[in-house]
Amino acid sequence: MEEKNKPVDRRVLKTKRAIRNAFAKLMAEKDINDITIIELAETADINRKTFYNYYSGVYQVVEDIEQDILKSYEVLLGNVEFKQSMNAPYTLFERFSRLINMDPEFFGYLLSMNGNIALITRIMTLLKDKTREVMTAQLDIEEYKADIMIDFVLSGMLSVYQHWLASDRKVPLEEVSDIISKMSFSGINGVLKET
């Protein structure tokens, strides 16, 4: 029991973040099958022994990334009330902004993995499943309708965040999230009402 409550050493977190960012950076440039441990360690500015202290190979890094994103998303959805979010949608999307702002370098690399769409697809599937689970538990909605709504919102949101991360980021992410929230819950008319 004590192990679960024991705080994680900051050096461990820093090293794992360096490995994760290096992996995402390399995935933005090449196929996962072409990434070597030596290259990954060099990009993360660590030695191979340090890499093996945390991971057995490249695919374990992928699993760790997927699990970290899913855990963060579960926390994000943890106390979301979908009925209330329809009246104040920005609160939900503001949480996405905070998540991305915690590590924009990583998310920038992750979402620029054009040649490695399988990882993004797996992550999106995990996010869609978790959203459906929470949404259908709270709202009286048929599952196929929930799936359409979730596909539409998450795909659009991913595309917008991808574009923002690849841009010069002059527009604050909070403003981008505000527009996404209005588009998601009020459509184009909700955004145009303000102009």
N, C-alpha and C. Protein backbone atom coordinates (compact mmCIF):
# COMPACT_ATOMS: atom_id res chain seq x y z
N MET A 1 0.81 -1.20 0.00
CA MET A 1 0.00 0.00 0.00
C MET A 1 0.85 1.25 0.00
N GLU A 2 1.96 1.25 0.70
CA GLU A 2 2.79 2.43 0.79
C GLU A 2 3.35 2.84 -0.56
N GLU A 3 3.65 1.87 -1.41
CA GLU A 3 4.21 2.17 -2.72
C GLU A 3 3.31 3.06 -3.56
N LYS A 4 1.98 2.84 -3.49
CA LYS A 4 1.04 3.62 -4.28
C LYS A 4 1.00 5.07 -3.84
N ASN A 5 1.17 5.31 -2.56
CA ASN A 5 1.09 6.66 -2.02
C ASN A 5 2.44 7.37 -2.00
N LYS A 6 3.50 6.65 -2.29
CA LYS A 6 4.84 7.22 -2.27
C LYS A 6 4.99 8.20 -3.43
N PRO A 7 5.44 9.44 -3.16
CA PRO A 7 5.59 10.41 -4.25
C PRO A 7 6.70 9.98 -5.21
N VAL A 8 6.49 10.30 -6.47
CA VAL A 8 7.46 9.95 -7.50
C VAL A 8 8.60 10.98 -7.48
N ASP A 9 9.81 10.49 -7.56
CA ASP A 9 10.99 11.35 -7.58
C ASP A 9 10.93 12.27 -8.81
N ARG A 10 11.23 13.55 -8.60
CA ARG A 10 11.19 14.53 -9.71
C ARG A 10 12.17 14.18 -10.82
N ARG A 11 13.29 13.60 -10.46
CA ARG A 11 14.27 13.21 -11.49
C ARG A 11 13.70 12.12 -12.39
N VAL A 12 12.94 11.21 -11.79
CA VAL A 12 12.30 10.15 -12.58
C VAL A 12 11.30 10.77 -13.55
N LEU A 13 10.48 11.69 -13.04
CA LEU A 13 9.50 12.36 -13.91
C LEU A 13 10.19 13.13 -15.03
N LYS A 14 11.27 13.82 -14.69
CA LYS A 14 12.00 14.61 -15.69
C LYS A 14 12.60 13.70 -16.77
N THR A 15 13.18 12.59 -16.35
CA THR A 15 13.78 11.66 -17.30
C THR A 15 12.72 11.02 -18.19
N LYS A 16 11.62 10.59 -17.58
CA LYS A 16 10.55 9.99 -18.38
C LYS A 16 9.95 11.00 -19.36
N ARG A 17 9.83 12.25 -18.92
CA ARG A 17 9.32 13.30 -19.83
C ARG A 17 10.30 13.51 -20.98
N ALA A 18 11.59 13.49 -20.70
CA ALA A 18 12.59 13.66 -21.76
C ALA A 18 12.50 12.51 -22.77
N ILE A 19 12.34 11.30 -22.26
CA ILE A 19 12.20 10.13 -23.16
C ILE A 19 10.93 10.24 -23.98
N ARG A 20 9.86 10.59 -23.33
CA ARG A 20 8.56 10.72 -24.01
C ARG A 20 8.62 11.80 -25.10
N ASN A 21 9.21 12.96 -24.78
CA ASN A 21 9.31 14.04 -25.76
C ASN A 21 10.24 13.65 -26.91
N ALA A 22 11.34 12.97 -26.58
CA ALA A 22 12.26 12.52 -27.62
C ALA A 22 11.57 11.53 -28.55
N PHE A 23 10.80 10.63 -27.95
CA PHE A 23 10.07 9.65 -28.76
C PHE A 23 9.08 10.35 -29.69
N ALA A 24 8.30 11.28 -29.14
CA ALA A 24 7.32 12.00 -29.96
C ALA A 24 8.02 12.78 -31.07
N LYS A 25 9.15 13.40 -30.75
CA LYS A 25 9.91 14.15 -31.75
C LYS A 25 10.36 13.22 -32.88
N LEU A 26 10.91 12.06 -32.52
CA LEU A 26 11.36 11.10 -33.53
C LEU A 26 10.19 10.54 -34.33
N MET A 27 9.06 10.31 -33.67
CA MET A 27 7.87 9.80 -34.37
C MET A 27 7.35 10.82 -35.38
N ALA A 28 7.58 12.10 -35.13
CA ALA A 28 7.15 13.13 -36.08
C ALA A 28 8.01 13.09 -37.34
N GLU A 29 9.19 12.49 -37.23
CA GLU A 29 10.14 12.46 -38.34
C GLU A 29 10.19 11.11 -39.07
N LYS A 30 9.89 10.02 -38.35
CA LYS A 30 10.09 8.70 -38.96
C LYS A 30 9.12 7.68 -38.40
N ASP A 31 9.09 6.52 -39.02
CA ASP A 31 8.23 5.41 -38.60
C ASP A 31 8.76 4.83 -37.30
N ILE A 32 7.86 4.33 -36.47
CA ILE A 32 8.24 3.76 -35.18
C ILE A 32 9.23 2.61 -35.33
N ASN A 33 9.10 1.83 -36.38
CA ASN A 33 9.99 0.69 -36.59
C ASN A 33 11.42 1.11 -36.90
N ASP A 34 11.61 2.37 -37.26
CA ASP A 34 12.94 2.87 -37.58
C ASP A 34 13.62 3.58 -36.41
N ILE A 35 12.94 3.67 -35.29
CA ILE A 35 13.49 4.35 -34.12
C ILE A 35 14.29 3.35 -33.29
N THR A 36 15.54 3.68 -33.04
CA THR A 36 16.39 2.80 -32.23
C THR A 36 16.50 3.36 -30.81
N ILE A 37 16.87 2.49 -29.90
CA ILE A 37 17.07 2.90 -28.50
C ILE A 37 18.22 3.90 -28.42
N ILE A 38 19.28 3.66 -29.18
CA ILE A 38 20.43 4.58 -29.18
C ILE A 38 19.98 5.97 -29.61
N GLU A 39 19.24 6.04 -30.70
CA GLU A 39 18.74 7.32 -31.21
C GLU A 39 17.79 7.99 -30.21
N LEU A 40 16.95 7.20 -29.60
CA LEU A 40 16.00 7.72 -28.62
C LEU A 40 16.74 8.26 -27.39
N ALA A 41 17.73 7.53 -26.92
CA ALA A 41 18.52 7.98 -25.77
C ALA A 41 19.29 9.26 -26.10
N GLU A 42 19.89 9.31 -27.28
CA GLU A 42 20.63 10.51 -27.68
C GLU A 42 19.71 11.73 -27.76
N THR A 43 18.53 11.55 -28.34
CA THR A 43 17.59 12.65 -28.48
C THR A 43 17.10 13.12 -27.11
N ALA A 44 16.95 12.18 -26.18
CA ALA A 44 16.51 12.51 -24.82
C ALA A 44 17.66 13.01 -23.95
N ASP A 45 18.88 12.95 -24.47
CA ASP A 45 20.09 13.37 -23.76
C ASP A 45 20.31 12.53 -22.49
N ILE A 46 20.15 11.23 -22.67
CA ILE A 46 20.41 10.27 -21.61
C ILE A 46 21.23 9.12 -22.20
N ASN A 47 21.72 8.22 -21.36
CA ASN A 47 22.41 7.06 -21.92
C ASN A 47 21.44 5.88 -22.01
N ARG A 48 21.87 4.86 -22.73
CA ARG A 48 20.98 3.71 -22.93
C ARG A 48 20.63 3.02 -21.63
N LYS A 49 21.57 2.94 -20.71
CA LYS A 49 21.30 2.29 -19.43
C LYS A 49 20.16 3.01 -18.70
N THR A 50 20.18 4.33 -18.75
CA THR A 50 19.11 5.10 -18.12
C THR A 50 17.78 4.78 -18.79
N PHE A 51 17.77 4.70 -20.11
CA PHE A 51 16.53 4.34 -20.82
C PHE A 51 16.00 3.00 -20.30
N TYR A 52 16.89 2.00 -20.20
CA TYR A 52 16.46 0.67 -19.77
C TYR A 52 16.07 0.60 -18.29
N ASN A 53 16.42 1.63 -17.53
CA ASN A 53 15.94 1.69 -16.15
C ASN A 53 14.42 1.90 -16.11
N TYR A 54 13.86 2.47 -17.18
CA TYR A 54 12.44 2.82 -17.21
C TYR A 54 11.63 2.00 -18.22
N TYR A 55 12.26 1.62 -19.31
CA TYR A 55 11.54 0.95 -20.38
C TYR A 55 12.33 -0.23 -20.92
N SER A 56 11.60 -1.24 -21.40
CA SER A 56 12.27 -2.40 -22.00
C SER A 56 12.47 -2.21 -23.50
N GLY A 57 11.75 -1.25 -24.09
CA GLY A 57 11.88 -1.00 -25.51
C GLY A 57 10.98 0.14 -25.96
N VAL A 58 11.01 0.40 -27.24
CA VAL A 58 10.26 1.51 -27.83
C VAL A 58 8.76 1.34 -27.63
N TYR A 59 8.27 0.13 -27.80
CA TYR A 59 6.82 -0.08 -27.69
C TYR A 59 6.29 0.12 -26.27
N GLN A 60 7.16 -0.06 -25.28
CA GLN A 60 6.74 0.22 -23.92
C GLN A 60 6.58 1.73 -23.72
N VAL A 61 7.38 2.53 -24.42
CA VAL A 61 7.22 3.99 -24.37
C VAL A 61 5.86 4.36 -24.95
N VAL A 62 5.47 3.71 -26.05
CA VAL A 62 4.16 3.96 -26.66
C VAL A 62 3.05 3.65 -25.67
N GLU A 63 3.13 2.50 -25.01
CA GLU A 63 2.11 2.13 -24.02
C GLU A 63 2.06 3.13 -22.87
N ASP A 64 3.22 3.60 -22.44
CA ASP A 64 3.28 4.57 -21.35
C ASP A 64 2.62 5.89 -21.78
N ILE A 65 2.88 6.33 -22.99
CA ILE A 65 2.27 7.55 -23.51
C ILE A 65 0.75 7.40 -23.56
N GLU A 66 0.29 6.28 -24.10
CA GLU A 66 -1.16 6.05 -24.18
C GLU A 66 -1.79 6.07 -22.80
N GLN A 67 -1.16 5.39 -21.84
CA GLN A 67 -1.72 5.33 -20.49
C GLN A 67 -1.69 6.70 -19.81
N ASP A 68 -0.61 7.46 -19.99
CA ASP A 68 -0.53 8.80 -19.40
C ASP A 68 -1.62 9.71 -19.95
N ILE A 69 -1.82 9.66 -21.26
CA ILE A 69 -2.85 10.51 -21.87
C ILE A 69 -4.23 10.08 -21.39
N LEU A 70 -4.47 8.78 -21.33
CA LEU A 70 -5.77 8.29 -20.86
C LEU A 70 -6.01 8.69 -19.40
N LYS A 71 -5.01 8.56 -18.54
CA LYS A 71 -5.16 8.97 -17.14
C LYS A 71 -5.47 10.46 -17.04
N SER A 72 -4.74 11.27 -17.80
CA SER A 72 -4.99 12.73 -17.78
C SER A 72 -6.39 13.04 -18.26
N TYR A 73 -6.84 12.32 -19.28
CA TYR A 73 -8.18 12.54 -19.82
C TYR A 73 -9.26 12.11 -18.82
N GLU A 74 -9.01 11.00 -18.14
CA GLU A 74 -9.96 10.55 -17.12
C GLU A 74 -10.08 11.58 -16.00
N VAL A 75 -8.97 12.16 -15.61
CA VAL A 75 -9.00 13.22 -14.59
C VAL A 75 -9.77 14.42 -15.14
N LEU A 76 -9.51 14.76 -16.39
CA LEU A 76 -10.19 15.88 -17.03
C LEU A 76 -11.71 15.68 -17.05
N LEU A 77 -12.14 14.44 -17.33
CA LEU A 77 -13.57 14.14 -17.39
C LEU A 77 -14.15 13.81 -16.02
N GLY A 78 -13.28 13.63 -15.04
CA GLY A 78 -13.66 13.16 -13.72
C GLY A 78 -14.91 13.76 -13.13
N ASN A 79 -15.02 15.06 -13.11
CA ASN A 79 -16.18 15.68 -12.49
C ASN A 79 -16.96 16.55 -13.48
N VAL A 80 -16.92 16.17 -14.74
CA VAL A 80 -17.67 16.90 -15.77
C VAL A 80 -19.14 16.53 -15.68
N GLU A 81 -19.96 17.53 -15.67
CA GLU A 81 -21.41 17.35 -15.76
C GLU A 81 -21.82 17.81 -17.16
N PHE A 82 -22.13 16.86 -18.02
CA PHE A 82 -22.42 17.20 -19.41
C PHE A 82 -23.63 18.12 -19.54
N LYS A 83 -24.64 17.94 -18.71
CA LYS A 83 -25.81 18.82 -18.78
C LYS A 83 -25.42 20.26 -18.47
N GLN A 84 -24.59 20.45 -17.46
CA GLN A 84 -24.12 21.80 -17.13
C GLN A 84 -23.18 22.33 -18.20
N SER A 85 -22.37 21.46 -18.79
CA SER A 85 -21.43 21.88 -19.82
C SER A 85 -22.13 22.43 -21.05
N MET A 86 -23.35 22.01 -21.29
CA MET A 86 -24.08 22.53 -22.45
C MET A 86 -24.40 24.01 -22.27
N ASN A 87 -24.55 24.45 -21.04
CA ASN A 87 -24.82 25.87 -20.76
C ASN A 87 -23.53 26.67 -20.61
N ALA A 88 -22.46 26.02 -20.20
CA ALA A 88 -21.17 26.69 -20.02
C ALA A 88 -20.07 25.78 -20.56
N PRO A 89 -20.03 25.60 -21.89
CA PRO A 89 -19.12 24.62 -22.48
C PRO A 89 -17.64 24.93 -22.31
N TYR A 90 -17.30 26.20 -22.12
CA TYR A 90 -15.88 26.54 -22.05
C TYR A 90 -15.17 25.84 -20.90
N THR A 91 -15.87 25.59 -19.80
CA THR A 91 -15.22 24.97 -18.64
C THR A 91 -14.59 23.63 -19.01
N LEU A 92 -15.26 22.86 -19.86
CA LEU A 92 -14.72 21.58 -20.31
C LEU A 92 -13.49 21.79 -21.20
N PHE A 93 -13.60 22.70 -22.15
CA PHE A 93 -12.50 22.91 -23.09
C PHE A 93 -11.32 23.64 -22.45
N GLU A 94 -11.60 24.40 -21.41
CA GLU A 94 -10.52 25.07 -20.69
C GLU A 94 -9.61 24.03 -20.04
N ARG A 95 -10.18 22.91 -19.67
CA ARG A 95 -9.38 21.82 -19.11
C ARG A 95 -8.43 21.25 -20.16
N PHE A 96 -8.89 21.17 -21.41
CA PHE A 96 -8.02 20.72 -22.49
C PHE A 96 -6.85 21.69 -22.65
N SER A 97 -7.15 22.97 -22.56
CA SER A 97 -6.10 23.99 -22.67
C SER A 97 -5.04 23.79 -21.60
N ARG A 98 -5.49 23.57 -20.37
CA ARG A 98 -4.54 23.36 -19.27
C ARG A 98 -3.68 22.12 -19.51
N LEU A 99 -4.31 21.05 -19.99
CA LEU A 99 -3.58 19.81 -20.26
C LEU A 99 -2.50 20.04 -21.32
N ILE A 100 -2.84 20.69 -22.40
CA ILE A 100 -1.88 20.95 -23.48
C ILE A 100 -0.80 21.92 -23.01
N ASN A 101 -1.20 22.95 -22.26
CA ASN A 101 -0.23 23.93 -21.78
C ASN A 101 0.76 23.36 -20.78
N MET A 102 0.44 22.21 -20.18
CA MET A 102 1.37 21.57 -19.25
C MET A 102 2.61 21.06 -19.98
N ASP A 103 2.45 20.68 -21.25
CA ASP A 103 3.59 20.16 -22.03
C ASP A 103 3.34 20.38 -23.53
N PRO A 104 3.33 21.64 -23.98
CA PRO A 104 3.03 21.91 -25.39
C PRO A 104 4.04 21.30 -26.36
N GLU A 105 5.31 21.18 -25.93
CA GLU A 105 6.32 20.58 -26.80
C GLU A 105 5.94 19.13 -27.13
N PHE A 106 5.57 18.37 -26.10
CA PHE A 106 5.19 16.98 -26.31
C PHE A 106 3.97 16.88 -27.22
N PHE A 107 2.92 17.64 -26.90
CA PHE A 107 1.70 17.55 -27.70
C PHE A 107 1.93 18.05 -29.13
N GLY A 108 2.82 19.02 -29.29
CA GLY A 108 3.17 19.48 -30.63
C GLY A 108 3.79 18.37 -31.46
N TYR A 109 4.74 17.66 -30.86
CA TYR A 109 5.35 16.52 -31.55
C TYR A 109 4.33 15.42 -31.78
N LEU A 110 3.57 15.10 -30.75
CA LEU A 110 2.60 14.01 -30.84
C LEU A 110 1.60 14.24 -31.98
N LEU A 111 1.09 15.45 -32.07
CA LEU A 111 0.07 15.72 -33.08
C LEU A 111 0.65 16.02 -34.46
N SER A 112 1.98 16.03 -34.58
CA SER A 112 2.56 16.22 -35.91
C SER A 112 3.04 14.90 -36.49
N MET A 113 2.63 13.80 -35.90
CA MET A 113 3.04 12.47 -36.36
C MET A 113 2.22 12.03 -37.57
N ASN A 114 2.32 12.76 -38.62
CA ASN A 114 1.51 12.46 -39.80
C ASN A 114 1.74 11.06 -40.35
N GLY A 115 2.97 10.60 -40.34
CA GLY A 115 3.27 9.28 -40.87
C GLY A 115 2.97 8.15 -39.90
N ASN A 116 2.68 8.49 -38.66
CA ASN A 116 2.45 7.48 -37.64
C ASN A 116 1.03 7.61 -37.09
N ILE A 117 0.09 7.56 -37.96
CA ILE A 117 -1.30 7.78 -37.62
C ILE A 117 -1.85 6.70 -36.71
N ALA A 118 -1.23 5.52 -36.69
CA ALA A 118 -1.75 4.42 -35.87
C ALA A 118 -1.75 4.79 -34.39
N LEU A 119 -0.72 5.47 -33.91
CA LEU A 119 -0.67 5.86 -32.50
C LEU A 119 -1.76 6.88 -32.19
N ILE A 120 -1.90 7.88 -33.04
CA ILE A 120 -2.94 8.90 -32.83
C ILE A 120 -4.32 8.24 -32.88
N THR A 121 -4.51 7.30 -33.79
CA THR A 121 -5.80 6.60 -33.91
C THR A 121 -6.10 5.82 -32.63
N ARG A 122 -5.10 5.12 -32.08
CA ARG A 122 -5.30 4.38 -30.83
C ARG A 122 -5.65 5.33 -29.68
N ILE A 123 -4.95 6.44 -29.61
CA ILE A 123 -5.22 7.41 -28.55
C ILE A 123 -6.62 7.99 -28.71
N MET A 124 -7.00 8.33 -29.94
CA MET A 124 -8.35 8.88 -30.18
C MET A 124 -9.42 7.86 -29.82
N THR A 125 -9.18 6.59 -30.11
CA THR A 125 -10.14 5.54 -29.77
C THR A 125 -10.31 5.45 -28.26
N LEU A 126 -9.20 5.51 -27.52
CA LEU A 126 -9.27 5.50 -26.06
C LEU A 126 -10.07 6.70 -25.54
N LEU A 127 -9.81 7.88 -26.10
CA LEU A 127 -10.51 9.09 -25.66
C LEU A 127 -12.00 9.02 -26.00
N LYS A 128 -12.33 8.54 -27.18
CA LYS A 128 -13.73 8.41 -27.58
C LYS A 128 -14.47 7.43 -26.67
N ASP A 129 -13.84 6.29 -26.39
CA ASP A 129 -14.47 5.30 -25.52
C ASP A 129 -14.74 5.86 -24.13
N LYS A 130 -13.76 6.57 -23.58
CA LYS A 130 -13.92 7.15 -22.24
C LYS A 130 -14.99 8.24 -22.26
N THR A 131 -15.02 9.07 -23.30
CA THR A 131 -16.04 10.12 -23.40
C THR A 131 -17.43 9.51 -23.50
N ARG A 132 -17.58 8.48 -24.33
CA ARG A 132 -18.87 7.81 -24.49
C ARG A 132 -19.35 7.23 -23.16
N GLU A 133 -18.43 6.60 -22.44
CA GLU A 133 -18.76 6.00 -21.15
C GLU A 133 -19.32 7.06 -20.19
N VAL A 134 -18.65 8.18 -20.07
CA VAL A 134 -19.07 9.24 -19.16
C VAL A 134 -20.35 9.91 -19.67
N MET A 135 -20.40 10.19 -20.95
CA MET A 135 -21.54 10.91 -21.53
C MET A 135 -22.83 10.10 -21.43
N THR A 136 -22.78 8.83 -21.82
CA THR A 136 -24.00 8.02 -21.81
C THR A 136 -24.46 7.70 -20.39
N ALA A 137 -23.54 7.75 -19.43
CA ALA A 137 -23.93 7.54 -18.04
C ALA A 137 -24.69 8.74 -17.49
N GLN A 138 -24.44 9.92 -18.07
CA GLN A 138 -25.05 11.14 -17.55
C GLN A 138 -26.25 11.63 -18.36
N LEU A 139 -26.26 11.33 -19.64
CA LEU A 139 -27.32 11.85 -20.51
C LEU A 139 -28.18 10.71 -21.04
N ASP A 140 -29.44 11.01 -21.24
CA ASP A 140 -30.34 10.04 -21.86
C ASP A 140 -30.20 10.20 -23.37
N ILE A 141 -29.23 9.49 -23.93
CA ILE A 141 -28.92 9.62 -25.35
C ILE A 141 -28.59 8.25 -25.92
N GLU A 142 -29.05 8.02 -27.12
CA GLU A 142 -28.75 6.76 -27.79
C GLU A 142 -27.26 6.72 -28.12
N GLU A 143 -26.69 5.53 -28.00
CA GLU A 143 -25.25 5.39 -28.17
C GLU A 143 -24.78 5.84 -29.55
N TYR A 144 -25.53 5.54 -30.60
CA TYR A 144 -25.08 5.91 -31.94
C TYR A 144 -25.05 7.44 -32.09
N LYS A 145 -25.99 8.15 -31.44
CA LYS A 145 -25.97 9.61 -31.49
C LYS A 145 -24.77 10.15 -30.70
N ALA A 146 -24.51 9.55 -29.57
CA ALA A 146 -23.34 9.95 -28.78
C ALA A 146 -22.06 9.75 -29.60
N ASP A 147 -21.98 8.61 -30.32
CA ASP A 147 -20.80 8.34 -31.14
C ASP A 147 -20.60 9.40 -32.22
N ILE A 148 -21.68 9.80 -32.87
CA ILE A 148 -21.58 10.83 -33.92
C ILE A 148 -21.10 12.15 -33.32
N MET A 149 -21.69 12.54 -32.20
CA MET A 149 -21.31 13.79 -31.55
C MET A 149 -19.85 13.75 -31.10
N ILE A 150 -19.45 12.65 -30.49
CA ILE A 150 -18.08 12.52 -29.99
C ILE A 150 -17.08 12.53 -31.13
N ASP A 151 -17.38 11.78 -32.21
CA ASP A 151 -16.49 11.78 -33.38
C ASP A 151 -16.33 13.18 -33.94
N PHE A 152 -17.42 13.89 -34.08
CA PHE A 152 -17.41 15.24 -34.65
C PHE A 152 -16.58 16.19 -33.78
N VAL A 153 -16.86 16.20 -32.49
CA VAL A 153 -16.18 17.15 -31.60
C VAL A 153 -14.71 16.79 -31.42
N LEU A 154 -14.39 15.54 -31.11
CA LEU A 154 -12.99 15.18 -30.88
C LEU A 154 -12.14 15.31 -32.14
N SER A 155 -12.69 14.92 -33.29
CA SER A 155 -11.92 15.05 -34.53
C SER A 155 -11.66 16.51 -34.88
N GLY A 156 -12.69 17.33 -34.73
CA GLY A 156 -12.51 18.76 -35.00
C GLY A 156 -11.55 19.39 -34.01
N MET A 157 -11.70 19.04 -32.75
CA MET A 157 -10.84 19.58 -31.70
C MET A 157 -9.39 19.19 -31.96
N LEU A 158 -9.15 17.92 -32.30
CA LEU A 158 -7.81 17.45 -32.59
C LEU A 158 -7.21 18.24 -33.74
N SER A 159 -7.98 18.45 -34.79
CA SER A 159 -7.49 19.18 -35.95
C SER A 159 -7.12 20.62 -35.59
N VAL A 160 -7.97 21.28 -34.81
CA VAL A 160 -7.70 22.67 -34.44
C VAL A 160 -6.48 22.76 -33.53
N TYR A 161 -6.38 21.88 -32.54
CA TYR A 161 -5.22 21.90 -31.65
C TYR A 161 -3.94 21.56 -32.43
N GLN A 162 -4.04 20.65 -33.38
CA GLN A 162 -2.91 20.29 -34.22
C GLN A 162 -2.42 21.53 -34.97
N HIS A 163 -3.35 22.25 -35.56
CA HIS A 163 -3.01 23.46 -36.31
C HIS A 163 -2.40 24.51 -35.38
N TRP A 164 -2.98 24.68 -34.19
CA TRP A 164 -2.47 25.68 -33.25
C TRP A 164 -1.05 25.34 -32.80
N LEU A 165 -0.80 24.08 -32.49
CA LEU A 165 0.52 23.66 -32.03
C LEU A 165 1.58 23.83 -33.12
N ALA A 166 1.17 23.70 -34.39
CA ALA A 166 2.11 23.85 -35.50
C ALA A 166 2.28 25.30 -35.92
N SER A 167 1.46 26.20 -35.37
CA SER A 167 1.50 27.61 -35.76
C SER A 167 2.48 28.40 -34.89
N ASP A 168 2.47 29.71 -35.08
CA ASP A 168 3.31 30.57 -34.25
C ASP A 168 2.69 30.85 -32.89
N ARG A 169 1.49 30.34 -32.67
CA ARG A 169 0.77 30.40 -31.38
C ARG A 169 0.52 31.83 -30.90
N LYS A 170 0.26 32.72 -31.84
CA LYS A 170 -0.03 34.11 -31.47
C LYS A 170 -1.37 34.23 -30.76
N VAL A 171 -2.33 33.41 -31.19
CA VAL A 171 -3.64 33.40 -30.54
C VAL A 171 -3.52 32.51 -29.31
N PRO A 172 -3.89 33.01 -28.13
CA PRO A 172 -3.79 32.18 -26.92
C PRO A 172 -4.65 30.91 -27.03
N LEU A 173 -4.13 29.83 -26.49
CA LEU A 173 -4.84 28.56 -26.56
C LEU A 173 -6.21 28.65 -25.89
N GLU A 174 -6.32 29.45 -24.84
CA GLU A 174 -7.61 29.61 -24.16
C GLU A 174 -8.65 30.20 -25.11
N GLU A 175 -8.24 31.12 -25.96
CA GLU A 175 -9.17 31.70 -26.93
C GLU A 175 -9.57 30.67 -27.98
N VAL A 176 -8.61 29.87 -28.41
CA VAL A 176 -8.89 28.79 -29.37
C VAL A 176 -9.88 27.81 -28.75
N SER A 177 -9.65 27.44 -27.49
CA SER A 177 -10.55 26.50 -26.80
C SER A 177 -11.94 27.08 -26.62
N ASP A 178 -12.02 28.37 -26.38
CA ASP A 178 -13.32 29.03 -26.25
C ASP A 178 -14.11 28.92 -27.55
N ILE A 179 -13.44 29.16 -28.67
CA ILE A 179 -14.11 29.05 -29.99
C ILE A 179 -14.54 27.61 -30.24
N ILE A 180 -13.67 26.64 -29.91
CA ILE A 180 -14.01 25.22 -30.09
C ILE A 180 -15.23 24.87 -29.24
N SER A 181 -15.27 25.37 -28.02
CA SER A 181 -16.40 25.05 -27.13
C SER A 181 -17.70 25.58 -27.71
N LYS A 182 -17.68 26.79 -28.24
CA LYS A 182 -18.89 27.37 -28.83
C LYS A 182 -19.30 26.62 -30.10
N MET A 183 -18.31 26.27 -30.91
CA MET A 183 -18.61 25.51 -32.14
C MET A 183 -19.21 24.15 -31.79
N SER A 184 -18.67 23.52 -30.76
CA SER A 184 -19.12 22.19 -30.38
C SER A 184 -20.54 22.19 -29.85
N PHE A 185 -20.91 23.21 -29.08
CA PHE A 185 -22.21 23.21 -28.44
C PHE A 185 -23.23 24.13 -29.11
N SER A 186 -22.77 25.11 -29.89
CA SER A 186 -23.72 26.04 -30.52
C SER A 186 -23.57 26.11 -32.03
N GLY A 187 -22.59 25.43 -32.58
CA GLY A 187 -22.37 25.46 -34.02
C GLY A 187 -21.82 26.80 -34.48
N ILE A 188 -21.79 26.97 -35.77
CA ILE A 188 -21.26 28.20 -36.36
C ILE A 188 -22.06 29.40 -35.90
N ASN A 189 -23.38 29.26 -35.76
CA ASN A 189 -24.20 30.39 -35.33
C ASN A 189 -23.80 30.89 -33.95
N GLY A 190 -23.36 30.01 -33.07
CA GLY A 190 -22.94 30.42 -31.74
C GLY A 190 -21.71 31.33 -31.78
N VAL A 191 -20.82 31.06 -32.71
CA VAL A 191 -19.61 31.88 -32.85
C VAL A 191 -19.95 33.18 -33.56
N LEU A 192 -20.76 33.10 -34.60
CA LEU A 192 -21.09 34.28 -35.40
C LEU A 192 -21.96 35.28 -34.64
N LYS A 193 -22.73 34.82 -33.64
CA LYS A 193 -23.57 35.72 -32.84
C LYS A 193 -22.75 36.81 -32.18
N GLU A 194 -21.50 36.48 -31.88
CA GLU A 194 -20.65 37.44 -31.15
C GLU A 194 -20.06 38.50 -32.04
N THR A 195 -20.08 38.31 -33.35
CA THR A 195 -19.43 39.30 -34.24
C THR A 195 -20.40 40.34 -34.72
